[in-house]
């Protein structure tokens, strides 16, 4: 006899046994998924804010050196390192080339340079090997069995145990160099740190590429300007000469000259052509060449030399103005006759005096229908130095002209007596005092010229 069938109920199969297990009560309610997402978003916002601040600081750098320093410091903060090394080595070989250290002395940089290039992550990144695109981490250098012995020795001496290298390259700029950061203990950057450092490095590469092109342009301008000026100063008995010259980033028209004349006399000249760029540089070259010709013909009369120069400038370049000063020197007699056209007065420095030469006021060349001004004659004492200069030296100080003149006088007077026998030392000391930030500041468009003549 078969068992009776259970009655069917809608939705329930009576042949399927019903479980008698009662599930445990729900004691913990999971948090909403939005909390996790908010934490992730907060982390992303923090990372992007940090990256934005670092790129803003880098964008504020206007020189290659300051950009390299900023890149090293920012990269160290992103990957959690304390020291670093950056090598600028454009793949096209055109330069500029540079090596910058962070937390490393010059001696320590020298030790790192003794390591074979192929044995370091930095060398592989510089050579553009395929495995370097996303950075090279050496989390435990001293634990690597195949580490180059020289590399092991330098790492032990300098006290670093790990490194991380990133190439500085992009499709547009090509390979510019590489950066390496050093850890004191075995370590490596986390994936998020690598990602941020990679983003920063790509932006930094584009910024460096612009500064590299600007540096190359400045170097080309400086090279052209130097070719338009004397390659060497003449040797004349009784006088020692020294010159210092820097061209502004756009190229300017400041110049100097020293040329031997008959009977062991000497012509000294400084001048400045209005404007900047290739046009001003070309005009400067023409003006200097013309003055040399006039000086050979009638150098004993500086007024005649500048009058001829004025006529030439008015006929050939009527829209151009220029300042100039020409001095005819007889070293044996210690006699100087000079004339100036709108130019700054020379400065005499000796053991007993430091003063400006009193010159007559006159307009620059090209501003009058006929230029002529009286000449001035003076006699330097034995051992005194006459400084000729352009107004770019005064303008680079950022002071008003009267204060700049006072500053130049003070700078010359402060030259130690032990250095006054050397005109080069005098010129260098004056420049360091007048421009403590150096001659190569990129935020100044002014040329600088100093021509120093010491009479025996």
Protein backbone atom coordinates (compact mmCIF):
# COMPACT_ATOMS: atom_id res chain seq x y z
CA UNK A 1 0.00 0.00 0.00
CA UNK A 2 1.46 3.31 -1.05
CA UNK A 3 1.86 6.33 1.26
CA UNK A 4 -0.73 9.04 0.91
CA UNK A 5 0.25 12.18 -1.07
CA UNK A 6 0.42 15.48 0.77
CA UNK A 7 -1.88 18.16 -0.50
CA UNK A 8 -0.35 20.72 -2.90
CA UNK A 9 -0.06 24.31 -1.86
CA UNK A 10 0.54 27.12 -4.31
CA UNK A 11 4.21 27.82 -4.66
CA UNK A 12 5.36 24.86 -2.58
CA UNK A 13 6.24 21.44 -3.86
CA UNK A 14 4.93 19.01 -1.18
CA UNK A 15 7.50 16.43 -2.21
CA UNK A 16 10.41 18.69 -1.25
CA UNK A 17 11.11 18.38 2.45
CA UNK A 18 10.92 21.62 4.40
CA UNK A 19 14.04 22.55 6.35
CA UNK A 20 13.58 22.87 10.04
CA UNK A 21 16.80 25.00 10.46
CA UNK A 22 16.17 28.52 11.68
CA UNK A 23 18.78 31.08 10.51
CA UNK A 24 20.61 33.06 13.19
CA UNK A 25 19.32 36.55 13.76
CA UNK A 26 21.21 39.36 11.93
CA UNK A 27 23.21 41.14 14.61
CA UNK A 28 25.59 43.36 12.41
CA UNK A 29 24.40 45.58 9.61
CA UNK A 30 27.12 46.26 6.96
CA UNK A 31 27.97 49.91 6.44
CA UNK A 32 26.76 51.65 3.35
CA UNK A 33 29.10 51.33 0.34
CA UNK A 34 29.29 55.13 0.08
CA UNK A 35 31.69 55.39 3.04
CA UNK A 36 34.36 53.36 1.22
CA UNK A 37 33.94 55.41 -1.94
CA UNK A 38 34.24 58.65 0.04
CA UNK A 39 37.52 57.47 1.58
CA UNK A 40 38.91 56.64 -1.86
CA UNK A 41 37.77 59.99 -3.25
CA UNK A 42 39.36 61.82 -0.34
CA UNK A 43 42.64 60.03 -1.03
CA UNK A 44 42.51 60.90 -4.70
CA UNK A 45 41.74 64.54 -3.97
CA UNK A 46 44.67 64.69 -1.54
CA UNK A 47 47.02 63.15 -4.10
CA UNK A 48 45.86 65.48 -6.85
CA UNK A 49 46.21 68.49 -4.55
CA UNK A 50 49.78 67.49 -3.71
CA UNK A 51 50.60 66.94 -7.38
CA UNK A 52 49.06 70.30 -8.30
CA UNK A 53 51.09 72.14 -5.66
CA UNK A 54 54.33 70.51 -6.78
CA UNK A 55 53.73 71.24 -10.46
CA UNK A 56 52.82 74.85 -9.63
CA UNK A 57 56.11 75.26 -7.80
CA UNK A 58 57.98 73.76 -10.75
CA UNK A 59 56.15 76.01 -13.20
CA UNK A 60 57.35 79.00 -11.17
CA UNK A 61 61.01 78.22 -11.89
CA UNK A 62 62.53 80.28 -14.70
CA UNK A 63 66.07 78.90 -14.84
CA UNK A 64 67.30 75.42 -15.60
CA UNK A 65 69.24 75.10 -12.34
CA UNK A 66 66.28 76.07 -10.17
CA UNK A 67 64.01 73.68 -12.10
CA UNK A 68 66.42 70.78 -11.60
CA UNK A 69 66.64 71.49 -7.87
CA UNK A 70 62.85 71.71 -7.56
CA UNK A 71 62.38 68.46 -9.48
CA UNK A 72 64.79 66.61 -7.20
CA UNK A 73 63.11 67.87 -4.04
CA UNK A 74 59.57 67.20 -5.25
CA UNK A 75 60.48 63.71 -6.48
CA UNK A 76 62.07 62.89 -3.14
CA UNK A 77 58.88 63.92 -1.35
CA UNK A 78 56.72 61.80 -3.67
CA UNK A 79 58.76 58.59 -3.38
CA UNK A 80 59.71 59.03 0.28
CA UNK A 81 63.48 59.42 -0.17
CA UNK A 82 65.97 61.77 1.46
CA UNK A 83 68.72 62.08 -1.13
CA UNK A 84 68.87 62.12 -4.89
CA UNK A 85 70.81 62.76 -8.07
CA UNK A 86 69.64 64.18 -11.39
CA UNK A 87 71.61 64.09 -14.63
CA UNK A 88 70.60 66.27 -17.57
CA UNK A 89 71.92 64.63 -20.72
CA UNK A 90 69.81 65.31 -23.84
CA UNK A 91 69.85 62.37 -26.23
CA UNK A 92 70.55 64.62 -29.23
CA UNK A 93 73.90 65.54 -27.72
CA UNK A 94 73.33 69.29 -28.08
CA UNK A 95 73.33 70.00 -24.35
CA UNK A 96 73.16 71.67 -21.99
CA UNK A 97 74.57 69.02 -19.67
CA UNK A 98 74.29 69.15 -15.88
CA UNK A 99 74.39 67.00 -12.76
CA UNK A 100 72.57 68.07 -9.60
CA UNK A 101 72.58 66.43 -6.19
CA UNK A 102 70.11 66.52 -3.29
CA UNK A 103 71.68 65.91 0.10
CA UNK A 104 74.94 64.89 -1.58
CA UNK A 105 78.26 66.75 -1.40
CA UNK A 106 80.51 67.29 -4.41
CA UNK A 107 82.80 64.55 -3.12
CA UNK A 108 79.88 62.11 -2.85
CA UNK A 109 78.76 62.97 -6.36
CA UNK A 110 82.30 62.21 -7.47
CA UNK A 111 82.12 58.79 -5.81
CA UNK A 112 78.86 58.02 -7.65
CA UNK A 113 80.48 58.96 -10.96
CA UNK A 114 83.08 56.21 -10.44
CA UNK A 115 80.40 53.50 -10.61
CA UNK A 116 80.15 51.95 -14.11
CA UNK A 117 77.19 53.49 -15.90
CA UNK A 118 75.62 50.18 -16.88
CA UNK A 119 75.71 48.99 -13.26
CA UNK A 120 73.29 51.63 -11.97
CA UNK A 121 69.58 52.22 -12.41
CA UNK A 122 70.39 55.81 -13.29
CA UNK A 123 72.67 54.69 -16.12
CA UNK A 124 70.02 52.36 -17.54
CA UNK A 125 67.44 55.15 -17.39
CA UNK A 126 69.83 57.56 -19.13
CA UNK A 127 70.45 55.01 -21.87
CA UNK A 128 66.70 54.64 -22.41
CA UNK A 129 66.52 50.87 -21.95
CA UNK A 130 63.00 49.38 -22.43
CA UNK A 131 62.61 48.30 -18.78
CA UNK A 132 63.06 51.85 -17.49
CA UNK A 133 59.88 53.51 -18.79
CA UNK A 134 57.97 53.04 -15.51
CA UNK A 135 60.98 53.53 -13.26
CA UNK A 136 63.54 51.13 -11.82
CA UNK A 137 63.39 50.10 -8.18
CA UNK A 138 66.28 48.43 -6.36
CA UNK A 139 64.67 47.74 -2.96
CA UNK A 140 67.72 46.01 -1.45
CA UNK A 141 70.92 46.90 -3.27
CA UNK A 142 73.32 45.31 -0.82
CA UNK A 143 71.28 42.10 -0.91
CA UNK A 144 71.65 41.70 -4.68
CA UNK A 145 74.06 38.89 -5.47
CA UNK A 146 75.11 40.25 -8.88
CA UNK A 147 75.63 43.86 -7.75
CA UNK A 148 78.73 45.41 -9.27
CA UNK A 149 81.55 45.43 -6.66
CA UNK A 150 82.27 49.10 -7.27
CA UNK A 151 78.59 49.94 -6.83
CA UNK A 152 78.48 47.94 -3.59
CA UNK A 153 81.54 49.78 -2.29
CA UNK A 154 80.11 53.24 -3.09
CA UNK A 155 76.69 52.36 -1.64
CA UNK A 156 78.33 51.20 1.59
CA UNK A 157 80.52 54.30 1.77
CA UNK A 158 77.66 56.73 1.16
CA UNK A 159 75.21 54.80 3.33
CA UNK A 160 72.33 54.04 0.99
CA UNK A 161 70.66 50.65 0.72
CA UNK A 162 68.00 51.11 -1.98
CA UNK A 163 67.28 53.34 -4.96
CA UNK A 164 64.55 54.32 -7.38
CA UNK A 165 65.23 55.84 -10.81
CA UNK A 166 62.94 57.56 -13.31
CA UNK A 167 63.76 58.62 -16.87
CA UNK A 168 62.94 62.16 -17.93
CA UNK A 169 61.58 61.61 -21.42
CA UNK A 170 58.53 62.30 -23.56
CA UNK A 171 57.52 61.82 -27.18
CA UNK A 172 57.77 65.53 -27.93
CA UNK A 173 60.95 66.33 -26.01
CA UNK A 174 62.77 63.03 -26.40
CA UNK A 175 65.07 61.82 -23.63
CA UNK A 176 66.49 64.66 -21.55
CA UNK A 177 68.02 62.78 -18.63
CA UNK A 178 67.09 60.78 -15.54
CA UNK A 179 66.66 61.17 -11.80
CA UNK A 180 67.69 58.79 -9.02
CA UNK A 181 66.56 58.83 -5.39
CA UNK A 182 68.38 57.02 -2.61
CA UNK A 183 67.02 55.34 0.55
CA UNK A 184 69.02 54.87 3.75
CA UNK A 185 67.31 51.51 4.42
CA UNK A 186 65.96 48.76 2.13
CA UNK A 187 62.74 50.20 0.69
CA UNK A 188 60.85 50.94 -2.48
CA UNK A 189 58.02 53.32 -3.35
CA UNK A 190 54.46 51.95 -3.25
CA UNK A 191 52.45 51.68 -6.43
CA UNK A 192 50.59 54.91 -5.71
CA UNK A 193 53.87 56.73 -5.11
CA UNK A 194 55.25 55.44 -8.40
CA UNK A 195 52.14 56.58 -10.22
CA UNK A 196 52.31 60.11 -8.81
CA UNK A 197 56.05 60.35 -9.41
CA UNK A 198 55.53 59.23 -13.01
CA UNK A 199 52.85 61.87 -13.60
CA UNK A 200 55.08 64.53 -12.09
CA UNK A 201 58.09 63.41 -14.12
CA UNK A 202 56.15 63.66 -17.37
CA UNK A 203 55.08 67.21 -16.59
CA UNK A 204 58.59 68.10 -15.42
CA UNK A 205 60.07 66.78 -18.66
CA UNK A 206 57.95 69.15 -20.74
CA UNK A 207 58.90 72.06 -18.49
CA UNK A 208 62.59 71.15 -18.68
CA UNK A 209 62.37 70.85 -22.45
CA UNK A 210 61.22 74.48 -22.69
CA UNK A 211 64.00 75.65 -20.39
CA UNK A 212 66.57 73.62 -22.33
CA UNK A 213 65.53 75.28 -25.58
CA UNK A 214 65.73 78.67 -23.89
CA UNK A 215 69.18 77.86 -22.53
CA UNK A 216 70.36 76.82 -25.98
CA UNK A 217 69.04 80.05 -27.47
CA UNK A 218 70.83 82.07 -24.80
CA UNK A 219 74.04 80.19 -25.45
CA UNK A 220 73.74 80.91 -29.19
CA UNK A 221 73.13 84.60 -28.51
CA UNK A 222 76.10 84.77 -26.16
CA UNK A 223 78.33 83.00 -28.69
CA UNK A 224 77.39 85.46 -31.44
CA UNK A 225 77.94 88.41 -29.11
CA UNK A 226 81.36 87.13 -28.09
CA UNK A 227 82.36 86.72 -31.72
CA UNK A 228 81.50 90.37 -32.33
CA UNK A 229 83.82 91.48 -29.51
CA UNK A 230 87.62 91.28 -29.22
CA UNK A 231 88.91 87.74 -28.82
CA UNK A 232 91.95 88.98 -26.91
CA UNK A 233 93.12 92.26 -25.47
CA UNK A 234 96.31 93.86 -26.84
CA UNK A 235 99.56 93.97 -24.86
CA UNK A 236 100.83 97.53 -24.62
CA UNK A 237 103.83 98.47 -22.44
CA UNK A 238 102.79 100.52 -19.43
CA UNK A 239 99.19 99.36 -19.18
CA UNK A 240 97.37 96.16 -18.15
CA UNK A 241 93.88 95.40 -19.47
CA UNK A 242 90.98 93.21 -18.37
CA UNK A 243 87.39 92.99 -19.64
CA UNK A 244 84.18 91.36 -18.40
CA UNK A 245 81.10 91.01 -20.57
CA UNK A 246 77.73 89.29 -20.29
CA UNK A 247 74.97 89.42 -22.88
CA UNK A 248 71.32 89.55 -21.84
CA UNK A 249 69.04 86.59 -22.69
CA UNK A 250 67.63 88.29 -25.80
CA UNK A 251 70.97 89.65 -26.97
CA UNK A 252 71.89 93.27 -26.60
CA UNK A 253 74.08 95.95 -28.07
CA UNK A 254 76.66 96.66 -25.34
CA UNK A 255 80.26 96.39 -26.51
CA UNK A 256 83.84 97.26 -25.73
CA UNK A 257 87.09 97.49 -27.63
CA UNK A 258 90.81 97.98 -27.06
CA UNK A 259 93.05 98.50 -30.07
CA UNK A 260 96.74 99.32 -30.41
CA UNK A 261 97.47 102.56 -32.23
CA UNK A 262 100.73 103.98 -33.67
CA UNK A 263 103.61 104.96 -31.38
CA UNK A 264 102.61 102.49 -28.65
CA UNK A 265 99.39 104.32 -27.91
CA UNK A 266 96.08 102.69 -27.14
CA UNK A 267 92.42 103.27 -27.95
CA UNK A 268 89.77 102.18 -25.42
CA UNK A 269 86.08 102.25 -26.21
CA UNK A 270 82.77 101.16 -24.69
CA UNK A 271 79.30 101.72 -26.06
CA UNK A 272 75.70 100.62 -26.16
CA UNK A 273 73.25 100.37 -29.05
CA UNK A 274 69.58 100.89 -28.32
CA UNK A 275 67.28 97.86 -28.41
CA UNK A 276 67.88 94.15 -28.09
CA UNK A 277 67.87 91.03 -30.20
CA UNK A 278 69.68 90.16 -33.43
CA UNK A 279 69.11 93.62 -34.92
CA UNK A 280 70.81 95.37 -32.00
CA UNK A 281 73.68 92.89 -32.07
CA UNK A 282 74.23 93.44 -35.78
CA UNK A 283 74.17 97.21 -35.32
CA UNK A 284 76.65 96.87 -32.46
CA UNK A 285 79.03 94.94 -34.71
CA UNK A 286 78.83 97.60 -37.43
CA UNK A 287 79.31 100.43 -34.96
CA UNK A 288 82.33 98.84 -33.32
CA UNK A 289 83.97 98.10 -36.68
CA UNK A 290 83.40 101.69 -37.82
CA UNK A 291 84.85 103.12 -34.63
CA UNK A 292 87.99 101.01 -35.06
CA UNK A 293 88.50 102.45 -38.53
CA UNK A 294 88.00 106.03 -37.36
CA UNK A 295 90.30 105.46 -34.36
CA UNK A 296 93.14 104.31 -36.61
CA UNK A 297 92.75 107.39 -38.79
CA UNK A 298 92.26 110.09 -36.15
CA UNK A 299 92.49 108.43 -32.75
CA UNK A 300 94.40 111.34 -31.21
CA UNK A 301 91.21 113.36 -31.43
CA UNK A 302 88.38 111.43 -29.68
CA UNK A 303 85.88 114.16 -30.58
CA UNK A 304 86.60 113.65 -34.30
CA UNK A 305 86.22 109.88 -33.88
CA UNK A 306 82.77 110.21 -32.31
CA UNK A 307 81.72 112.91 -34.77
CA UNK A 308 82.48 110.59 -37.67
CA UNK A 309 80.59 107.82 -35.91
CA UNK A 310 77.62 110.12 -35.41
CA UNK A 311 77.55 111.02 -39.10
CA UNK A 312 77.74 107.38 -40.14
CA UNK A 313 74.93 106.37 -37.77
CA UNK A 314 72.71 109.26 -38.91
CA UNK A 315 73.17 108.39 -42.60
CA UNK A 316 72.98 104.62 -42.46
CA UNK A 317 70.64 103.97 -39.51
CA UNK A 318 68.63 107.13 -38.83
CA UNK A 319 66.20 105.33 -36.52
CA UNK A 320 68.94 104.01 -34.25
CA UNK A 321 70.50 105.68 -31.20
CA UNK A 322 73.66 104.70 -29.38
CA UNK A 323 75.99 105.82 -26.63
CA UNK A 324 79.76 105.62 -26.88
CA UNK A 325 82.93 106.63 -25.11
CA UNK A 326 86.36 106.70 -26.73
CA UNK A 327 89.63 107.25 -24.87
CA UNK A 328 93.02 107.86 -26.46
CA UNK A 329 95.75 106.67 -24.08
CA UNK A 330 99.50 107.32 -24.00
CA UNK A 331 100.66 104.79 -21.38
CA UNK A 332 104.28 106.03 -21.33
CA UNK A 333 103.15 109.54 -20.41
CA UNK A 334 100.13 108.27 -18.43
CA UNK A 335 97.91 110.58 -20.41
CA UNK A 336 94.27 109.90 -21.32
CA UNK A 337 92.09 112.04 -23.61
CA UNK A 338 88.47 110.97 -23.90
CA UNK A 339 85.12 112.05 -25.28
CA UNK A 340 81.70 110.61 -24.57
CA UNK A 341 78.35 110.68 -26.31
CA UNK A 342 75.65 110.21 -23.71
CA UNK A 343 77.78 107.62 -21.94
CA UNK A 344 78.49 107.00 -18.27
CA UNK A 345 81.71 108.59 -16.91
CA UNK A 346 84.79 106.46 -16.19
CA UNK A 347 85.87 105.74 -12.62
CA UNK A 348 89.47 106.10 -11.39
CA UNK A 349 90.61 103.82 -8.57
CA UNK A 350 93.96 104.20 -6.82
CA UNK A 351 95.56 104.09 -3.41
CA UNK A 352 94.69 107.72 -2.74
CA UNK A 353 91.50 108.30 -4.67
CA UNK A 354 88.35 106.72 -6.00
CA UNK A 355 86.39 109.17 -8.10
CA UNK A 356 84.49 109.66 -11.32
CA UNK A 357 86.09 111.53 -14.20
CA UNK A 358 84.30 114.82 -14.82
CA UNK A 359 83.11 114.61 -18.39
CA UNK A 360 81.01 117.06 -20.36
CA UNK A 361 77.31 116.39 -20.84
CA UNK A 362 76.36 115.38 -24.36
CA UNK A 363 73.51 113.68 -26.17
CA UNK A 364 73.74 110.10 -27.44
CA UNK A 365 74.71 109.46 -31.02
CA UNK A 366 71.83 109.75 -33.46
CA UNK A 367 69.84 112.31 -31.48
CA UNK A 368 71.36 115.54 -32.79
CA UNK A 369 71.80 116.89 -36.31
CA UNK A 370 75.50 117.27 -35.59
CA UNK A 371 77.20 115.82 -32.56
CA UNK A 372 80.19 117.48 -30.94
CA UNK A 373 81.32 117.87 -27.33
CA UNK A 374 84.61 118.94 -25.74
CA UNK A 375 87.11 116.25 -24.85
CA UNK A 376 88.51 115.72 -21.35
CA UNK A 377 92.14 115.06 -20.47
CA UNK A 378 93.44 113.52 -17.23
CA UNK A 379 96.53 111.72 -15.96
CA UNK A 380 96.23 108.47 -13.99
CA UNK A 381 98.86 108.10 -11.27
CA UNK A 382 101.14 105.04 -11.29
CA UNK A 383 99.15 102.02 -10.13
CA UNK A 384 95.73 103.58 -10.75
CA UNK A 385 93.01 101.74 -12.66
CA UNK A 386 90.51 103.38 -14.99
CA UNK A 387 87.14 101.58 -15.19
CA UNK A 388 85.02 101.98 -18.31
CA UNK A 389 81.56 100.38 -18.19
CA UNK A 390 78.09 100.48 -19.72
CA UNK A 391 74.92 101.53 -17.95
CA UNK A 392 73.72 97.91 -17.95
CA UNK A 393 75.94 97.40 -14.91
CA UNK A 394 74.01 100.14 -13.12
CA UNK A 395 70.58 99.08 -14.32
CA UNK A 396 71.03 95.46 -13.25
CA UNK A 397 71.19 96.59 -9.63
CA UNK A 398 67.54 97.65 -9.79
CA UNK A 399 68.37 100.95 -8.04
CA UNK A 400 67.72 104.46 -9.23
CA UNK A 401 70.63 105.77 -11.27
CA UNK A 402 71.98 108.11 -8.59
CA UNK A 403 71.99 105.30 -6.06
CA UNK A 404 73.52 102.93 -8.61
CA UNK A 405 76.38 105.39 -9.22
CA UNK A 406 76.96 105.62 -5.46
CA UNK A 407 76.88 101.84 -5.24
CA UNK A 408 79.49 101.51 -7.99
CA UNK A 409 81.74 104.05 -6.24
CA UNK A 410 81.43 102.13 -2.98
CA UNK A 411 82.13 98.81 -4.72
CA UNK A 412 85.31 100.17 -6.31
CA UNK A 413 86.49 101.78 -3.07
CA UNK A 414 86.01 98.46 -1.23
CA UNK A 415 88.46 96.58 -3.46
CA UNK A 416 91.31 95.42 -1.17
CA UNK A 417 94.63 97.09 -1.82
CA UNK A 418 96.21 93.69 -2.38
CA UNK A 419 93.94 93.21 -5.43
CA UNK A 420 94.36 96.65 -6.97
CA UNK A 421 97.51 95.67 -8.86
CA UNK A 422 95.44 93.30 -11.04
CA UNK A 423 92.74 94.86 -13.26
CA UNK A 424 90.98 91.49 -13.60
CA UNK A 425 90.71 91.20 -9.81
CA UNK A 426 89.38 94.76 -9.64
CA UNK A 427 86.71 94.04 -12.27
CA UNK A 428 85.67 90.79 -10.60
CA UNK A 429 85.46 92.36 -7.16
CA UNK A 430 83.33 95.23 -8.45
CA UNK A 431 80.98 92.81 -10.22
CA UNK A 432 80.57 90.61 -7.14
CA UNK A 433 79.81 93.64 -4.99
CA UNK A 434 77.42 95.25 -7.46
CA UNK A 435 75.65 92.03 -8.49
CA UNK A 436 75.83 89.54 -5.60
CA UNK A 437 73.39 87.22 -7.41
CA UNK A 438 75.80 86.85 -10.32
CA UNK A 439 75.97 87.90 -13.94
CA UNK A 440 73.77 85.11 -15.29
CA UNK A 441 70.43 86.05 -13.76
CA UNK A 442 67.72 85.30 -16.31
CA UNK A 443 65.32 88.00 -15.06
CA UNK A 444 67.56 90.81 -16.31
CA UNK A 445 67.63 91.87 -19.94
CA UNK A 446 70.60 94.21 -19.55
CA UNK A 447 74.06 93.56 -20.95
CA UNK A 448 77.04 94.18 -18.67
CA UNK A 449 80.43 95.48 -19.81
CA UNK A 450 83.46 96.44 -17.72
CA UNK A 451 86.82 97.39 -19.26
CA UNK A 452 89.61 97.97 -16.72
CA UNK A 453 92.95 99.58 -17.59
CA UNK A 454 95.70 99.75 -14.95
CA UNK A 455 98.55 102.16 -15.64
CA UNK A 456 102.03 101.24 -14.39
